[in-house]
């Protein structure tokens, strides 16, 4: 049970953010105070206690992770929630592994703020509970392409950060190009098996006879051409992680053998009667949802439930279009730095086309589109004529979403974003053109979940 008198301290130098959080949390009956920076927060904590601390991740004097580490050392029982306007998998993993209770992405969803605060305070007041995390080592690698502040991606970040610290089997579901292999590697690199091998198997890339030998290995003479014994990919992944991509394409026979691997922790090479014990974590992936295949009888139900311990659904890019500008700028920085002179920007019209395109190939298609544009552009700014033909011919996403019928809300959203991108993202100027107050424009951007993409919290 949380107490209505629980004390919450907000550490953030943005007055609008502090005012919003105070309004949300005070209405829940909490005693809310604030500090503009870590130094002021320490002064506050010397005079008064706190049951929960919400701190910004990016602050001018001390960054949120350093502040978090100091708080965890001094007051390990106080739950800390990190807040940031720049969402990434690295941010979530580093924060949660360093001991943060949770991670909130700006702009906030009111219900999520309430839920996170309630759960954190329930943990705080739970008797004799150990809140420390067993692994606080710094992650070995960063996954900078897995970025975005959309609610859908923040949900993915949290799931990855938490499941990585376990040894559970994970099923990743998402369309081609959404980053399933990157996420599988993130789970491996941030988990207890990070020192072991990470082996990838594409279930749809090889014929069944070849795939069986690739997966399980074979003995000498087990088939024509098997001139020597060979370990399979599963055996090579011993003490590490095996990423099984496109498991929906596995034949029924291979599905049965894979089930044995997961259940019995052993494999049998092709042509052998002896079993080999195996210690491997399975991360499976499929662009096709598996549950309908189970109902249709083309995918084994028992294997599905073995794989479905933790399922992470990765959203397509069209369902998190607010992340497109952030990703596009990242790819421009990545590829543009190799040009002479460097390419550093996208024109407003080019960004408008990118934001309106449907992206059937998801993040991978966006990455390739920017790489192509950088290669073709003779200038330091990417313009519409540098983009692929399909992107230049795009129709507004609102029309695509409604299959030709456009809602008023979609029309308003697309019009506001077009005005912003056509006027260099100038909020004041765009508000005048739209005939609305700047505060109304800010409220609209927060409603769309895009405030952080335009530099406001």
Protein backbone atom coordinates (compact mmCIF):
# COMPACT_ATOMS: atom_id res chain seq x y z
CA UNK A 1 0.00 0.00 0.00
CA UNK A 2 1.27 3.49 -0.85
CA UNK A 3 0.80 6.32 1.57
CA UNK A 4 -1.03 9.48 0.54
CA UNK A 5 1.65 11.33 2.52
CA UNK A 6 4.56 9.78 0.59
CA UNK A 7 7.22 12.35 -0.29
CA UNK A 8 8.37 12.65 -3.89
CA UNK A 9 11.38 14.73 -4.98
CA UNK A 10 11.62 15.88 -8.62
CA UNK A 11 15.13 16.80 -9.85
CA UNK A 12 14.90 18.69 -13.14
CA UNK A 13 15.97 22.12 -14.38
CA UNK A 14 13.00 22.44 -16.74
CA UNK A 15 10.27 24.48 -15.02
CA UNK A 16 7.52 23.18 -17.34
CA UNK A 17 8.42 19.55 -16.61
CA UNK A 18 8.48 20.17 -12.86
CA UNK A 19 5.12 21.97 -12.96
CA UNK A 20 3.52 19.15 -14.97
CA UNK A 21 4.79 16.42 -12.63
CA UNK A 22 3.81 18.39 -9.53
CA UNK A 23 0.30 18.79 -10.93
CA UNK A 24 -0.03 15.07 -11.74
CA UNK A 25 1.43 13.73 -8.50
CA UNK A 26 -0.09 16.29 -6.13
CA UNK A 27 -3.54 15.30 -7.38
CA UNK A 28 -2.70 11.75 -6.28
CA UNK A 29 -2.19 13.03 -2.73
CA UNK A 30 1.61 12.91 -2.66
CA UNK A 31 3.80 15.53 -0.98
CA UNK A 32 5.81 16.79 -3.97
CA UNK A 33 8.91 18.99 -3.88
CA UNK A 34 11.55 19.82 -6.47
CA UNK A 35 15.20 20.69 -6.98
CA UNK A 36 16.77 22.15 -10.15
CA UNK A 37 19.97 20.08 -9.96
CA UNK A 38 21.70 17.32 -7.93
CA UNK A 39 23.45 19.79 -5.61
CA UNK A 40 20.13 21.32 -4.60
CA UNK A 41 18.66 17.82 -4.28
CA UNK A 42 21.35 16.80 -1.77
CA UNK A 43 20.59 19.96 0.21
CA UNK A 44 16.91 19.06 0.22
CA UNK A 45 17.61 15.48 1.34
CA UNK A 46 19.72 16.74 4.25
CA UNK A 47 16.72 18.66 5.57
CA UNK A 48 13.89 16.35 4.56
CA UNK A 49 13.36 12.73 3.56
CA UNK A 50 12.07 11.35 0.26
CA UNK A 51 10.23 8.15 -0.56
CA UNK A 52 10.75 8.46 -4.30
CA UNK A 53 13.06 10.52 -6.54
CA UNK A 54 12.31 11.38 -10.17
CA UNK A 55 15.43 12.78 -11.87
CA UNK A 56 16.21 14.05 -15.33
CA UNK A 57 18.93 12.10 -17.12
CA UNK A 58 20.59 15.04 -18.87
CA UNK A 59 21.55 17.88 -16.53
CA UNK A 60 24.27 20.51 -17.01
CA UNK A 61 26.33 19.87 -13.85
CA UNK A 62 25.96 16.16 -13.12
CA UNK A 63 24.36 13.65 -15.47
CA UNK A 64 21.51 11.53 -14.22
CA UNK A 65 23.45 8.25 -14.19
CA UNK A 66 26.19 9.74 -11.98
CA UNK A 67 23.54 11.19 -9.69
CA UNK A 68 21.78 7.81 -9.66
CA UNK A 69 24.98 6.00 -8.67
CA UNK A 70 25.59 8.45 -5.81
CA UNK A 71 22.00 8.12 -4.60
CA UNK A 72 22.13 4.33 -4.70
CA UNK A 73 25.33 4.38 -2.66
CA UNK A 74 24.00 6.82 -0.06
CA UNK A 75 20.30 5.86 0.09
CA UNK A 76 19.84 2.42 -1.50
CA UNK A 77 16.26 2.07 -0.25
CA UNK A 78 14.91 5.13 -2.08
CA UNK A 79 13.61 4.14 -5.54
CA UNK A 80 14.82 6.38 -8.37
CA UNK A 81 13.02 6.92 -11.67
CA UNK A 82 15.00 8.36 -14.60
CA UNK A 83 13.42 10.82 -17.03
CA UNK A 84 14.69 11.77 -20.49
CA UNK A 85 13.53 13.41 -23.70
CA UNK A 86 15.95 11.26 -25.70
CA UNK A 87 14.89 7.63 -25.75
CA UNK A 88 17.28 4.82 -26.56
CA UNK A 89 17.87 1.23 -25.62
CA UNK A 90 21.27 2.14 -24.19
CA UNK A 91 19.64 4.72 -21.89
CA UNK A 92 17.13 2.22 -20.56
CA UNK A 93 19.66 -0.57 -20.08
CA UNK A 94 22.25 1.62 -18.37
CA UNK A 95 19.66 3.17 -16.09
CA UNK A 96 17.98 -0.05 -15.03
CA UNK A 97 21.26 -1.91 -14.60
CA UNK A 98 22.60 0.96 -12.48
CA UNK A 99 19.69 0.49 -10.11
CA UNK A 100 16.92 2.79 -11.37
CA UNK A 101 13.44 1.54 -10.55
CA UNK A 102 12.06 2.63 -13.92
CA UNK A 103 12.51 4.91 -16.88
CA UNK A 104 10.10 7.58 -18.17
CA UNK A 105 10.35 9.16 -21.60
CA UNK A 106 9.33 12.77 -22.22
CA UNK A 107 6.71 13.85 -23.14
CA UNK A 108 4.98 12.01 -20.32
CA UNK A 109 1.82 9.98 -20.48
CA UNK A 110 -0.14 10.95 -17.37
CA UNK A 111 -1.35 7.42 -16.62
CA UNK A 112 2.20 6.05 -16.90
CA UNK A 113 3.54 8.65 -14.43
CA UNK A 114 0.84 7.69 -11.93
CA UNK A 115 1.47 3.96 -12.40
CA UNK A 116 5.26 4.20 -12.09
CA UNK A 117 5.02 6.37 -8.98
CA UNK A 118 2.54 3.99 -7.34
CA UNK A 119 4.62 0.91 -8.08
CA UNK A 120 7.84 2.56 -6.92
CA UNK A 121 6.25 3.61 -3.64
CA UNK A 122 4.75 0.15 -3.14
CA UNK A 123 8.27 -1.25 -3.48
CA UNK A 124 9.61 1.41 -1.11
CA UNK A 125 7.10 0.53 1.60
CA UNK A 126 7.23 -3.25 1.08
CA UNK A 127 8.72 -4.87 4.21
CA UNK A 128 12.16 -6.53 4.12
CA UNK A 129 12.53 -6.40 0.35
CA UNK A 130 15.93 -6.26 -1.25
CA UNK A 131 15.84 -3.69 -4.04
CA UNK A 132 19.41 -3.93 -5.18
CA UNK A 133 20.25 -5.28 -8.60
CA UNK A 134 22.74 -8.07 -8.98
CA UNK A 135 24.52 -6.77 -12.11
CA UNK A 136 25.50 -3.14 -12.35
CA UNK A 137 28.35 -3.50 -14.77
CA UNK A 138 28.48 -1.14 -17.71
CA UNK A 139 27.05 -2.62 -20.92
CA UNK A 140 29.68 -3.78 -23.39
CA UNK A 141 28.04 -2.22 -26.42
CA UNK A 142 25.64 0.51 -27.48
CA UNK A 143 22.77 0.08 -29.91
CA UNK A 144 22.46 3.58 -31.26
CA UNK A 145 20.10 2.60 -34.10
CA UNK A 146 17.53 1.49 -31.53
CA UNK A 147 16.39 4.97 -30.59
CA UNK A 148 13.15 6.89 -30.31
CA UNK A 149 10.94 8.42 -27.65
CA UNK A 150 7.63 6.96 -28.83
CA UNK A 151 5.68 5.07 -26.14
CA UNK A 152 5.90 1.88 -28.21
CA UNK A 153 9.70 1.95 -28.28
CA UNK A 154 10.04 2.91 -24.62
CA UNK A 155 7.99 -0.22 -23.83
CA UNK A 156 10.47 -2.27 -25.89
CA UNK A 157 13.47 -0.70 -24.13
CA UNK A 158 12.12 -1.57 -20.71
CA UNK A 159 11.30 -5.13 -21.71
CA UNK A 160 14.77 -5.69 -23.21
CA UNK A 161 16.57 -4.14 -20.24
CA UNK A 162 14.72 -6.38 -17.79
CA UNK A 163 14.69 -9.67 -19.67
CA UNK A 164 18.38 -9.32 -20.54
CA UNK A 165 19.30 -9.85 -16.90
CA UNK A 166 17.51 -13.22 -16.84
CA UNK A 167 18.18 -16.46 -18.72
CA UNK A 168 14.64 -16.84 -20.06
CA UNK A 169 13.80 -17.85 -23.62
CA UNK A 170 12.61 -14.79 -25.57
CA UNK A 171 10.40 -14.51 -28.65
CA UNK A 172 10.75 -11.35 -30.78
CA UNK A 173 7.88 -10.59 -33.15
CA UNK A 174 8.03 -7.81 -35.70
CA UNK A 175 8.13 -7.04 -39.41
CA UNK A 176 11.31 -7.28 -41.47
CA UNK A 177 13.62 -4.34 -40.87
CA UNK A 178 12.42 -3.48 -37.37
CA UNK A 179 15.69 -4.49 -35.70
CA UNK A 180 15.00 -7.95 -34.27
CA UNK A 181 18.63 -9.09 -34.57
CA UNK A 182 19.91 -5.89 -32.94
CA UNK A 183 17.55 -6.47 -30.03
CA UNK A 184 18.57 -10.13 -29.75
CA UNK A 185 22.21 -9.06 -29.59
CA UNK A 186 21.34 -6.43 -26.97
CA UNK A 187 19.70 -9.12 -24.82
CA UNK A 188 22.85 -11.23 -25.12
CA UNK A 189 25.38 -8.43 -24.56
CA UNK A 190 23.63 -7.09 -21.47
CA UNK A 191 22.91 -10.49 -19.92
CA UNK A 192 24.74 -13.09 -17.84
CA UNK A 193 26.04 -14.85 -21.01
CA UNK A 194 27.69 -11.77 -22.54
CA UNK A 195 31.15 -13.42 -22.40
CA UNK A 196 29.90 -16.39 -24.44
CA UNK A 197 29.24 -16.68 -28.19
CA UNK A 198 26.30 -15.08 -30.02
CA UNK A 199 25.30 -17.30 -32.95
CA UNK A 200 22.69 -16.38 -35.57
CA UNK A 201 20.62 -18.96 -37.47
CA UNK A 202 18.24 -17.89 -40.26
CA UNK A 203 15.47 -20.49 -40.42
CA UNK A 204 14.32 -19.31 -43.85
CA UNK A 205 17.67 -19.08 -45.60
CA UNK A 206 18.55 -22.78 -46.12
CA UNK A 207 16.85 -25.92 -47.37
CA UNK A 208 15.61 -28.23 -44.62
CA UNK A 209 18.34 -30.87 -45.15
CA UNK A 210 21.10 -28.27 -44.97
CA UNK A 211 19.51 -26.42 -42.08
CA UNK A 212 19.33 -29.56 -39.93
CA UNK A 213 23.04 -30.16 -40.40
CA UNK A 214 23.80 -26.47 -39.79
CA UNK A 215 21.75 -26.45 -36.57
CA UNK A 216 22.66 -29.79 -35.03
CA UNK A 217 25.94 -30.72 -36.72
CA UNK A 218 26.75 -34.10 -38.25
CA UNK A 219 29.02 -37.09 -37.92
CA UNK A 220 31.46 -38.22 -40.57
CA UNK A 221 29.76 -40.23 -43.30
CA UNK A 222 26.24 -39.32 -42.17
CA UNK A 223 25.43 -38.11 -45.71
CA UNK A 224 27.20 -37.61 -49.03
CA UNK A 225 29.87 -34.97 -48.59
CA UNK A 226 30.17 -35.36 -44.82
CA UNK A 227 33.87 -36.13 -44.90
CA UNK A 228 34.40 -35.19 -41.27
CA UNK A 229 32.41 -34.60 -38.10
CA UNK A 230 31.21 -31.05 -37.59
CA UNK A 231 29.66 -29.10 -34.74
CA UNK A 232 26.32 -27.44 -35.42
CA UNK A 233 25.50 -23.81 -34.71
CA UNK A 234 23.57 -24.72 -31.55
CA UNK A 235 26.60 -26.54 -30.20
CA UNK A 236 28.83 -23.58 -31.11
CA UNK A 237 26.50 -21.37 -29.06
CA UNK A 238 27.18 -23.44 -25.90
CA UNK A 239 27.37 -21.12 -22.85
CA UNK A 240 26.11 -18.27 -25.00
CA UNK A 241 23.03 -17.28 -27.00
CA UNK A 242 21.56 -18.70 -30.20
CA UNK A 243 19.40 -16.28 -32.18
CA UNK A 244 16.93 -18.28 -34.26
CA UNK A 245 15.53 -15.94 -36.90
CA UNK A 246 12.36 -16.77 -38.83
CA UNK A 247 11.40 -19.77 -36.71
CA UNK A 248 8.03 -19.82 -38.49
CA UNK A 249 9.83 -21.26 -41.53
CA UNK A 250 11.13 -24.34 -39.68
CA UNK A 251 9.71 -27.68 -40.83
CA UNK A 252 7.64 -29.79 -38.39
CA UNK A 253 10.55 -32.22 -38.03
CA UNK A 254 13.00 -29.46 -37.11
CA UNK A 255 10.44 -27.93 -34.76
CA UNK A 256 10.32 -31.23 -32.87
CA UNK A 257 14.12 -31.42 -32.59
CA UNK A 258 14.32 -27.80 -31.45
CA UNK A 259 11.73 -28.53 -28.76
CA UNK A 260 14.01 -31.28 -27.46
CA UNK A 261 16.90 -28.81 -27.27
CA UNK A 262 14.86 -26.38 -25.18
CA UNK A 263 13.27 -29.03 -22.95
CA UNK A 264 16.08 -31.53 -22.47
CA UNK A 265 19.10 -29.21 -22.92
CA UNK A 266 20.73 -31.67 -25.30
CA UNK A 267 21.28 -32.18 -29.02
CA UNK A 268 21.98 -35.12 -31.29
CA UNK A 269 24.11 -34.63 -34.38
CA UNK A 270 22.87 -35.94 -37.73
CA UNK A 271 24.03 -39.55 -38.05
CA UNK A 272 24.72 -39.97 -34.32
CA UNK A 273 22.94 -41.97 -31.62
CA UNK A 274 24.68 -40.11 -28.79
CA UNK A 275 23.34 -36.95 -27.15
CA UNK A 276 25.44 -33.95 -26.22
CA UNK A 277 24.45 -31.76 -23.27
CA UNK A 278 23.95 -28.15 -24.19
CA UNK A 279 23.72 -24.92 -22.17
CA UNK A 280 22.43 -22.22 -24.49
CA UNK A 281 19.92 -19.39 -24.31
CA UNK A 282 17.40 -19.25 -27.14
CA UNK A 283 16.19 -15.95 -28.55
CA UNK A 284 13.76 -16.66 -31.37
CA UNK A 285 12.27 -14.25 -33.88
CA UNK A 286 9.52 -14.23 -36.46
CA UNK A 287 8.10 -11.64 -38.83
CA UNK A 288 4.90 -13.70 -38.86
CA UNK A 289 2.85 -13.89 -35.62
CA UNK A 290 3.12 -17.47 -34.40
CA UNK A 291 -0.20 -17.82 -32.60
CA UNK A 292 -2.28 -17.95 -35.84
CA UNK A 293 0.15 -20.58 -37.17
CA UNK A 294 -0.43 -22.66 -34.04
CA UNK A 295 -4.19 -22.46 -34.59
CA UNK A 296 -3.70 -23.44 -38.24
CA UNK A 297 -1.63 -26.45 -37.18
CA UNK A 298 1.54 -25.41 -39.03
CA UNK A 299 3.55 -24.55 -35.89
CA UNK A 300 3.82 -26.85 -32.89
CA UNK A 301 1.83 -25.65 -29.92
CA UNK A 302 4.26 -27.11 -27.37
CA UNK A 303 7.22 -25.39 -29.04
CA UNK A 304 5.31 -22.10 -29.19
CA UNK A 305 4.68 -22.17 -25.44
CA UNK A 306 8.31 -23.05 -24.76
CA UNK A 307 9.42 -20.05 -26.83
CA UNK A 308 6.72 -17.74 -25.59
CA UNK A 309 8.16 -17.33 -22.08
CA UNK A 310 8.74 -13.64 -22.79
CA UNK A 311 7.42 -12.09 -26.01
CA UNK A 312 8.53 -8.66 -27.19
CA UNK A 313 6.51 -7.12 -30.01
CA UNK A 314 8.61 -4.66 -32.02
CA UNK A 315 6.48 -1.93 -33.63
CA UNK A 316 6.80 -1.09 -37.33
CA UNK A 317 8.15 2.36 -38.14
CA UNK A 318 4.77 3.58 -39.43
CA UNK A 319 3.34 3.09 -35.92
CA UNK A 320 6.04 5.28 -34.36
CA UNK A 321 6.35 7.97 -37.02
CA UNK A 322 7.37 10.52 -34.39
CA UNK A 323 10.73 8.72 -34.26
CA UNK A 324 11.43 9.18 -38.00
CA UNK A 325 13.12 12.63 -37.70
CA UNK A 326 15.39 11.36 -34.90
CA UNK A 327 16.40 8.26 -36.87
CA UNK A 328 16.84 10.20 -40.10
CA UNK A 329 19.22 12.68 -38.45
CA UNK A 330 21.16 9.82 -36.87
CA UNK A 331 21.69 8.16 -40.27
CA UNK A 332 22.65 11.50 -41.85
CA UNK A 333 25.32 11.93 -39.17
CA UNK A 334 26.51 8.35 -39.68
CA UNK A 335 26.80 8.39 -43.48
CA UNK A 336 27.27 12.13 -44.05
CA UNK A 337 30.50 12.30 -42.06
CA UNK A 338 32.29 10.27 -44.75
CA UNK A 339 31.51 12.79 -47.52
CA UNK A 340 33.63 15.75 -48.61
CA UNK A 341 32.23 18.20 -47.74
CA UNK A 342 30.24 16.46 -44.97
CA UNK A 343 26.47 16.22 -45.23
CA UNK A 344 24.92 17.29 -41.96
CA UNK A 345 21.29 18.25 -42.55
CA UNK A 346 17.98 17.36 -44.18
CA UNK A 347 15.91 20.13 -45.74
CA UNK A 348 12.43 20.71 -44.24
CA UNK A 349 10.79 19.42 -47.44
CA UNK A 350 12.92 16.26 -47.40
CA UNK A 351 12.04 15.64 -43.75
CA UNK A 352 8.37 16.16 -44.54
CA UNK A 353 8.50 13.46 -47.23
CA UNK A 354 10.34 11.07 -44.92
CA UNK A 355 7.77 11.63 -42.16
CA UNK A 356 4.85 10.99 -44.53
CA UNK A 357 6.19 7.84 -46.19
CA UNK A 358 4.75 4.47 -45.13
CA UNK A 359 8.15 2.67 -44.74
CA UNK A 360 7.16 -0.93 -45.53
CA UNK A 361 10.82 -1.92 -45.00
CA UNK A 362 10.88 -0.14 -41.63
CA UNK A 363 14.10 1.21 -40.07
CA UNK A 364 16.29 -0.76 -42.47
CA UNK A 365 14.58 0.89 -45.46
CA UNK A 366 14.97 4.34 -43.87
CA UNK A 367 18.66 3.68 -43.26
CA UNK A 368 19.20 2.61 -46.88
CA UNK A 369 17.22 5.62 -48.14
CA UNK A 370 19.44 8.03 -46.22
CA UNK A 371 22.61 6.20 -47.29
CA UNK A 372 21.48 6.51 -50.93
CA UNK A 373 20.60 10.19 -50.52
CA UNK A 374 23.98 10.95 -48.96
CA UNK A 375 25.77 9.16 -51.80
CA UNK A 376 23.84 11.11 -54.48
CA UNK A 377 23.64 14.58 -52.96
CA UNK A 378 26.25 17.09 -54.22
CA UNK A 379 25.47 19.49 -51.37
CA UNK A 380 25.77 19.57 -47.58
CA UNK A 381 21.97 19.31 -47.19
CA UNK A 382 19.76 16.44 -48.39
CA UNK A 383 16.90 17.72 -50.54
CA UNK A 384 13.75 15.96 -51.84
CA UNK A 385 15.36 15.19 -55.22
CA UNK A 386 18.03 13.11 -53.41
CA UNK A 387 15.45 10.73 -51.91
CA UNK A 388 14.34 7.42 -53.49
CA UNK A 389 11.45 7.65 -56.02
CA UNK A 390 9.03 5.80 -53.73
CA UNK A 391 9.56 8.35 -50.96
CA UNK A 392 9.16 11.31 -53.32
CA UNK A 393 5.82 9.94 -54.53
CA UNK A 394 4.49 9.40 -51.01
CA UNK A 395 1.01 10.34 -49.83
CA UNK A 396 0.31 11.59 -46.32
CA UNK A 397 0.25 8.82 -43.73
CA UNK A 398 -3.23 9.87 -42.68
CA UNK A 399 -4.58 8.76 -46.11
CA UNK A 400 -2.66 5.49 -45.91
CA UNK A 401 -3.94 4.80 -42.41
CA UNK A 402 -7.54 5.40 -43.47
CA UNK A 403 -7.17 3.63 -46.85
CA UNK A 404 -8.30 6.79 -48.65
CA UNK A 405 -10.59 8.19 -45.93
CA UNK A 406 -8.95 10.81 -43.74
CA UNK A 407 -10.14 11.70 -40.23
CA UNK A 408 -10.14 15.33 -39.12
CA UNK A 409 -7.63 14.51 -36.38
CA UNK A 410 -5.25 12.95 -38.92
CA UNK A 411 -5.64 15.91 -41.27
CA UNK A 412 -4.88 18.35 -38.46
CA UNK A 413 -1.84 16.38 -37.30
CA UNK A 414 -0.35 16.05 -40.79
CA UNK A 415 -1.00 19.73 -41.56
CA UNK A 416 0.67 20.89 -38.32
CA UNK A 417 3.74 18.72 -38.98
CA UNK A 418 4.01 19.92 -42.58
CA UNK A 419 3.89 23.56 -41.45
CA UNK A 420 6.57 22.92 -38.82
CA UNK A 421 8.91 21.13 -41.22
CA UNK A 422 8.33 23.75 -43.94
CA UNK A 423 9.33 26.56 -41.57
CA UNK A 424 12.49 25.03 -40.12
CA UNK A 425 10.72 23.69 -37.02
CA UNK A 426 10.20 27.25 -35.71
CA UNK A 427 7.42 26.83 -33.16
CA UNK A 428 6.56 30.53 -32.85
CA UNK A 429 6.44 31.15 -36.58
CA UNK A 430 4.48 27.96 -37.23
CA UNK A 431 1.93 28.84 -34.54
CA UNK A 432 1.32 32.23 -36.21
CA UNK A 433 0.84 30.56 -39.61
CA UNK A 434 -1.52 27.99 -38.10
CA UNK A 435 -3.48 30.73 -36.33
CA UNK A 436 -3.07 29.20 -32.88
CA UNK A 437 -1.24 30.15 -29.69
CA UNK A 438 2.25 28.72 -29.19
CA UNK A 439 1.02 26.94 -26.02
CA UNK A 440 -1.70 25.27 -28.07
CA UNK A 441 0.91 24.05 -30.57
CA UNK A 442 3.02 22.66 -27.70
CA UNK A 443 -0.03 20.88 -26.32
CA UNK A 444 -0.74 19.36 -29.74
CA UNK A 445 2.85 18.12 -30.07
CA UNK A 446 2.66 16.52 -26.61
CA UNK A 447 -0.64 14.92 -27.60
CA UNK A 448 1.06 13.42 -30.69
CA UNK A 449 3.99 12.25 -28.55
CA UNK A 450 6.35 14.40 -30.65
CA UNK A 451 7.32 17.26 -28.33
CA UNK A 452 10.82 15.90 -27.75
CA UNK A 453 11.41 15.65 -31.51
CA UNK A 454 10.95 19.43 -31.69
CA UNK A 455 13.19 20.21 -28.72
CA UNK A 456 10.54 20.75 -26.05
CA UNK A 457 9.67 18.59 -23.04
